Protein backbone atom coordinates (compact mmCIF):
# COMPACT_ATOMS: atom_id res chain seq x y z
CA UNK A 1 -3.56 -17.39 22.01
CA UNK A 2 -0.70 -18.35 19.68
CA UNK A 3 -0.95 -21.18 17.17
CA UNK A 4 1.65 -23.89 16.99
CA UNK A 5 3.19 -24.68 13.62
CA UNK A 6 1.06 -27.82 13.49
CA UNK A 7 -2.20 -26.10 14.37
CA UNK A 8 -1.60 -23.28 11.85
CA UNK A 9 -0.76 -25.79 9.13
CA UNK A 10 -3.86 -27.82 10.00
CA UNK A 11 -5.86 -24.56 9.79
CA UNK A 12 -4.57 -23.88 6.26
CA UNK A 13 -4.55 -27.43 4.89
CA UNK A 14 -8.24 -27.78 3.87
CA UNK A 15 -7.81 -24.82 1.53
CA UNK A 16 -4.53 -25.86 -0.12
CA UNK A 17 -4.64 -26.42 -3.87
CA UNK A 18 -2.01 -28.90 -5.00
CA UNK A 19 -0.48 -29.18 -8.48
CA UNK A 20 2.17 -31.55 -9.73
CA UNK A 21 2.98 -34.79 -11.48
CA UNK A 22 0.76 -37.66 -10.39
CA UNK A 23 3.48 -39.70 -8.74
CA UNK A 24 5.07 -40.10 -5.34
CA UNK A 25 8.58 -39.04 -6.38
CA UNK A 26 10.06 -36.38 -4.09
CA UNK A 27 10.18 -33.28 -6.27
CA UNK A 28 11.06 -29.63 -5.73
CA UNK A 29 8.13 -27.42 -4.81
CA UNK A 30 6.96 -23.84 -5.05
CA UNK A 31 4.51 -22.34 -2.53
CA UNK A 32 2.36 -19.51 -3.90
CA UNK A 33 0.92 -16.75 -1.69
CA UNK A 34 -1.79 -14.48 -3.08
CA UNK A 35 -2.30 -10.72 -2.86
CA UNK A 36 -4.70 -8.87 -0.56
CA UNK A 37 -7.66 -9.46 -2.88
CA UNK A 38 -7.42 -13.20 -2.40
CA UNK A 39 -6.70 -16.03 -4.82
CA UNK A 40 -7.36 -14.98 -8.40
CA UNK A 41 -7.14 -17.15 -11.55
CA UNK A 42 -3.64 -15.98 -12.46
CA UNK A 43 -2.20 -17.53 -9.28
CA UNK A 44 -3.45 -20.94 -10.38
CA UNK A 45 -2.04 -20.29 -13.86
CA UNK A 46 1.43 -19.79 -12.38
CA UNK A 47 1.00 -23.01 -10.40
CA UNK A 48 0.14 -24.88 -13.60
CA UNK A 49 3.30 -23.50 -15.23
CA UNK A 50 5.31 -24.98 -12.37
CA UNK A 51 3.46 -28.27 -12.72
CA UNK A 52 4.33 -28.47 -16.41
CA UNK A 53 7.98 -27.88 -15.48
CA UNK A 54 7.91 -30.92 -13.15
CA UNK A 55 7.73 -28.86 -9.95
CA UNK A 56 5.04 -29.42 -7.35
CA UNK A 57 3.05 -26.27 -6.64
CA UNK A 58 0.94 -25.42 -3.59
CA UNK A 59 -1.45 -22.48 -3.65
CA UNK A 60 -2.01 -21.36 -0.06
CA UNK A 61 -5.23 -19.51 0.75
CA UNK A 62 -4.88 -17.30 3.84
CA UNK A 63 -8.40 -15.91 3.67
CA UNK A 64 -10.92 -18.74 3.32
CA UNK A 65 -9.67 -20.44 6.53
CA UNK A 66 -10.45 -17.15 8.28
CA UNK A 67 -13.94 -17.02 6.76
CA UNK A 68 -13.17 -14.13 4.40
CA UNK A 69 -14.44 -14.04 0.84
CA UNK A 70 -12.99 -11.63 -1.71
CA UNK A 71 -15.20 -8.74 -0.61
CA UNK A 72 -14.21 -9.16 3.03
CA UNK A 73 -10.55 -9.53 2.08
CA UNK A 74 -10.53 -6.29 0.13
CA UNK A 75 -12.34 -4.48 2.94
CA UNK A 76 -10.17 -5.84 5.75
CA UNK A 77 -6.78 -6.72 4.32
CA UNK A 78 -6.31 -4.35 1.38
CA UNK A 79 -7.37 -1.52 3.68
CA UNK A 80 -4.77 -2.51 6.28
CA UNK A 81 -7.33 -3.20 9.00
CA UNK A 82 -6.41 -6.87 9.41
CA UNK A 83 -3.66 -9.43 8.76
CA UNK A 84 -0.54 -7.36 8.20
CA UNK A 85 2.41 -9.08 6.58
CA UNK A 86 4.05 -9.85 9.93
CA UNK A 87 0.99 -11.77 11.11
CA UNK A 88 0.59 -13.61 7.80
CA UNK A 89 4.27 -14.57 7.89
CA UNK A 90 3.14 -17.29 10.29
CA UNK A 91 1.05 -18.76 7.48
CA UNK A 92 4.15 -18.80 5.28
CA UNK A 93 6.32 -20.50 7.90
CA UNK A 94 3.66 -23.06 8.81
CA UNK A 95 3.02 -23.88 5.15
CA UNK A 96 6.73 -24.42 4.52
CA UNK A 97 7.03 -26.53 7.67
CA UNK A 98 4.06 -28.72 6.80
CA UNK A 99 4.60 -29.12 3.07
CA UNK A 100 8.29 -29.98 3.59
CA UNK A 101 7.13 -33.10 5.47
CA UNK A 102 5.24 -34.51 2.50
CA UNK A 103 6.96 -37.62 1.07
CA UNK A 104 6.37 -36.36 -2.48
CA UNK A 105 8.27 -33.10 -1.82
CA UNK A 106 12.03 -32.62 -1.88
CA UNK A 107 12.31 -30.47 1.24
CA UNK A 108 15.79 -29.31 0.25
CA UNK A 109 14.49 -27.54 -2.90
CA UNK A 110 11.72 -25.07 -2.12
CA UNK A 111 10.72 -21.72 -3.60
CA UNK A 112 8.36 -19.18 -2.03
CA UNK A 113 6.41 -17.04 -4.50
CA UNK A 114 4.31 -14.06 -3.44
CA UNK A 115 2.23 -11.36 -5.05
CA UNK A 116 1.85 -7.95 -3.34
CA UNK A 117 0.62 -8.78 0.19
CA UNK A 118 1.91 -12.33 -0.22
CA UNK A 119 5.36 -10.98 -1.08
CA UNK A 120 5.17 -8.64 1.93
CA UNK A 121 4.45 -11.63 4.17
CA UNK A 122 7.38 -13.61 2.75
CA UNK A 123 9.73 -10.63 3.13
CA UNK A 124 8.59 -10.03 6.71
CA UNK A 125 9.39 -13.68 7.45
CA UNK A 126 12.92 -13.16 6.14
CA UNK A 127 13.52 -10.46 8.79
CA UNK A 128 12.82 -12.72 11.78
CA UNK A 129 15.25 -14.95 13.65
CA UNK A 130 12.38 -17.25 14.62
CA UNK A 131 14.11 -18.22 17.84
CA UNK A 132 11.49 -17.11 20.36
CA UNK A 133 7.85 -17.72 21.13
CA UNK A 134 5.64 -15.17 19.42
CA UNK A 135 7.80 -14.61 16.36
CA UNK A 136 5.61 -14.75 13.24
CA UNK A 137 2.74 -14.85 15.75
CA UNK A 138 3.44 -18.53 16.40
CA UNK A 139 4.00 -20.51 19.59
CA UNK A 140 6.98 -22.54 18.36
CA UNK A 141 8.60 -20.87 15.35
CA UNK A 142 11.88 -22.31 14.15
CA UNK A 143 14.41 -21.26 11.53
CA UNK A 144 14.93 -24.95 10.74
CA UNK A 145 11.75 -24.84 8.69
CA UNK A 146 13.45 -22.53 6.20
CA UNK A 147 16.58 -24.62 5.61
CA UNK A 148 15.28 -25.92 2.28
CA UNK A 149 14.05 -22.57 0.95
CA UNK A 150 16.40 -21.91 -1.97
CA UNK A 151 14.62 -19.00 -3.60
CA UNK A 152 11.99 -16.27 -3.46
CA UNK A 153 9.94 -14.99 -6.42
CA UNK A 154 8.29 -11.69 -5.49
CA UNK A 155 5.85 -9.91 -7.81
CA UNK A 156 5.03 -6.21 -7.21
CA UNK A 157 5.85 -6.69 -3.50
CA UNK A 158 4.25 -4.33 -1.01
CA UNK A 159 7.15 -2.67 0.85
CA UNK A 160 5.45 0.42 2.22
CA UNK A 161 4.72 1.05 5.91
CA UNK A 162 4.66 -1.11 8.01
CA UNK A 163 6.65 -3.70 6.03
CA UNK A 164 9.62 -4.79 8.14
CA UNK A 165 12.11 -4.82 5.27
CA UNK A 166 12.09 -1.03 5.40
CA UNK A 167 13.95 -1.10 8.71
CA UNK A 168 15.15 -4.68 9.29
CA UNK A 169 17.92 -6.78 7.81
CA UNK A 170 17.13 -10.20 6.39
CA UNK A 171 18.18 -13.14 8.54
CA UNK A 172 18.09 -15.53 5.55
CA UNK A 173 19.54 -15.14 2.08
CA UNK A 174 17.78 -17.23 -0.54
CA UNK A 175 18.21 -16.37 -4.22
CA UNK A 176 15.60 -13.68 -4.88
CA UNK A 177 13.96 -12.30 -8.00
CA UNK A 178 11.71 -9.27 -7.52
CA UNK A 179 9.41 -8.25 -10.36
CA UNK A 180 8.86 -4.51 -9.95
CA UNK A 181 6.29 -2.32 -11.72
CA UNK A 182 7.52 1.15 -12.59
CA UNK A 183 4.00 2.58 -12.14
CA UNK A 184 3.17 0.78 -8.90
CA UNK A 185 0.98 3.10 -6.83
CA UNK A 186 1.22 1.04 -3.62
CA UNK A 187 5.01 0.99 -3.39
CA UNK A 188 6.90 3.52 -5.45
CA UNK A 189 9.28 1.83 -7.85
CA UNK A 190 12.21 3.95 -6.65
CA UNK A 191 11.56 2.93 -3.05
CA UNK A 192 11.32 -0.77 -3.90
CA UNK A 193 14.50 -0.55 -5.96
CA UNK A 194 16.31 1.09 -3.04
CA UNK A 195 15.18 -1.61 -0.62
CA UNK A 196 16.42 -4.39 -2.88
CA UNK A 197 19.68 -2.54 -3.54
CA UNK A 198 20.24 -2.32 0.22
CA UNK A 199 19.53 -6.02 0.61
CA UNK A 200 21.92 -6.78 -2.23
CA UNK A 201 24.58 -4.66 -0.57
CA UNK A 202 24.03 -6.66 2.62
CA UNK A 203 24.73 -9.91 0.80
CA UNK A 204 21.26 -11.10 -0.25
CA UNK A 205 21.48 -12.46 -3.82
CA UNK A 206 18.77 -10.26 -5.35
CA UNK A 207 17.92 -9.51 -8.95
CA UNK A 208 15.07 -7.32 -10.17
CA UNK A 209 12.95 -7.44 -13.30
CA UNK A 210 11.69 -3.90 -13.88
CA UNK A 211 8.59 -3.59 -16.05
CA UNK A 212 6.66 -0.64 -17.46
CA UNK A 213 3.46 -1.72 -15.77
CA UNK A 214 1.15 -1.07 -12.82
CA UNK A 215 0.35 -3.00 -9.68
CA UNK A 216 -1.55 -6.23 -10.47
CA UNK A 217 -0.46 -6.04 -14.12
CA UNK A 218 -0.70 -9.85 -14.46
CA UNK A 219 -4.32 -10.13 -13.31
CA UNK A 220 -6.30 -10.40 -16.53
CA UNK A 221 -9.50 -8.35 -16.55
CA UNK A 222 -8.40 -5.76 -14.03
CA UNK A 223 -8.57 -2.16 -15.21
CA UNK A 224 -8.40 0.94 -13.05
CA UNK A 225 -6.63 3.25 -15.47
CA UNK A 226 -3.19 4.40 -14.39
CA UNK A 227 -3.54 2.71 -10.99
CA UNK A 228 -3.98 -0.92 -12.02
CA UNK A 229 -4.25 -2.28 -15.54
CA UNK A 230 -3.63 -5.65 -17.09
CA UNK A 231 -0.62 -5.82 -19.40
CA UNK A 232 -0.40 -9.01 -21.45
CA UNK A 233 3.20 -8.46 -22.57
CA UNK A 234 4.45 -7.88 -19.01
CA UNK A 235 2.42 -10.84 -17.79
CA UNK A 236 4.10 -13.02 -20.40
CA UNK A 237 7.56 -11.78 -19.39
CA UNK A 238 6.80 -12.54 -15.75
CA UNK A 239 5.58 -16.05 -16.52
CA UNK A 240 8.74 -16.72 -18.53
CA UNK A 241 10.87 -15.35 -15.70
CA UNK A 242 9.00 -17.55 -13.21
CA UNK A 243 9.63 -20.77 -15.14
CA UNK A 244 13.27 -19.84 -15.77
CA UNK A 245 13.80 -18.91 -12.12
CA UNK A 246 12.39 -22.22 -10.88
CA UNK A 247 14.71 -24.10 -13.21
CA UNK A 248 17.74 -22.07 -12.15
CA UNK A 249 17.15 -22.20 -8.40
CA UNK A 250 15.51 -25.59 -7.90
CA UNK A 251 17.31 -27.53 -10.59
């Protein structure tokens, strides 16, 4: 049975974490979507950076509403057994749709930020016309919900099989910054660079920030040798790029 936009947003709402100035002024907003290992402290740190810049930030948890803790998420989602990016793209659309209705949000100035699986989900959403029942696994998807999305900030995005951006054009063209790790073992840097070059050639305004780092380089405390290791310098560069990108694209 398909969720409506309202029911999916209601499903996610109890697990939203909201950051921003303590006022009712309509402000631009960034929506943050975590990787396959769930919400980690660095996601909240990015949200606090947005808050300090005067932007409202909403951290969306796709796992706790489904009853998955970090262990379950790693077992189910990181393994590819559950919640592929196409299915989770419904979470992204519903979150945009619902948050845009808040009186303290300027619905014409929104940014979607995603890490790994979260970036995959955002990118899969970009490939869909959203003009038929079942798109994004929702009953009533609509492209109108994306009218205010000005930009995408994608950090070590997963673009391996079965990510739709490998074979589909983007239906929407927000300003996009992709932070790519040259030693990413989940999506080869050369492949990711080729995908974004193709999108750029098709008219999507894409820039890349290429770093000598691994997947999950901005998650402090992670260390799996050449596969995934924290890199403080690259983390700092990404945080700076995030703040600068919000200012440039949301005003």
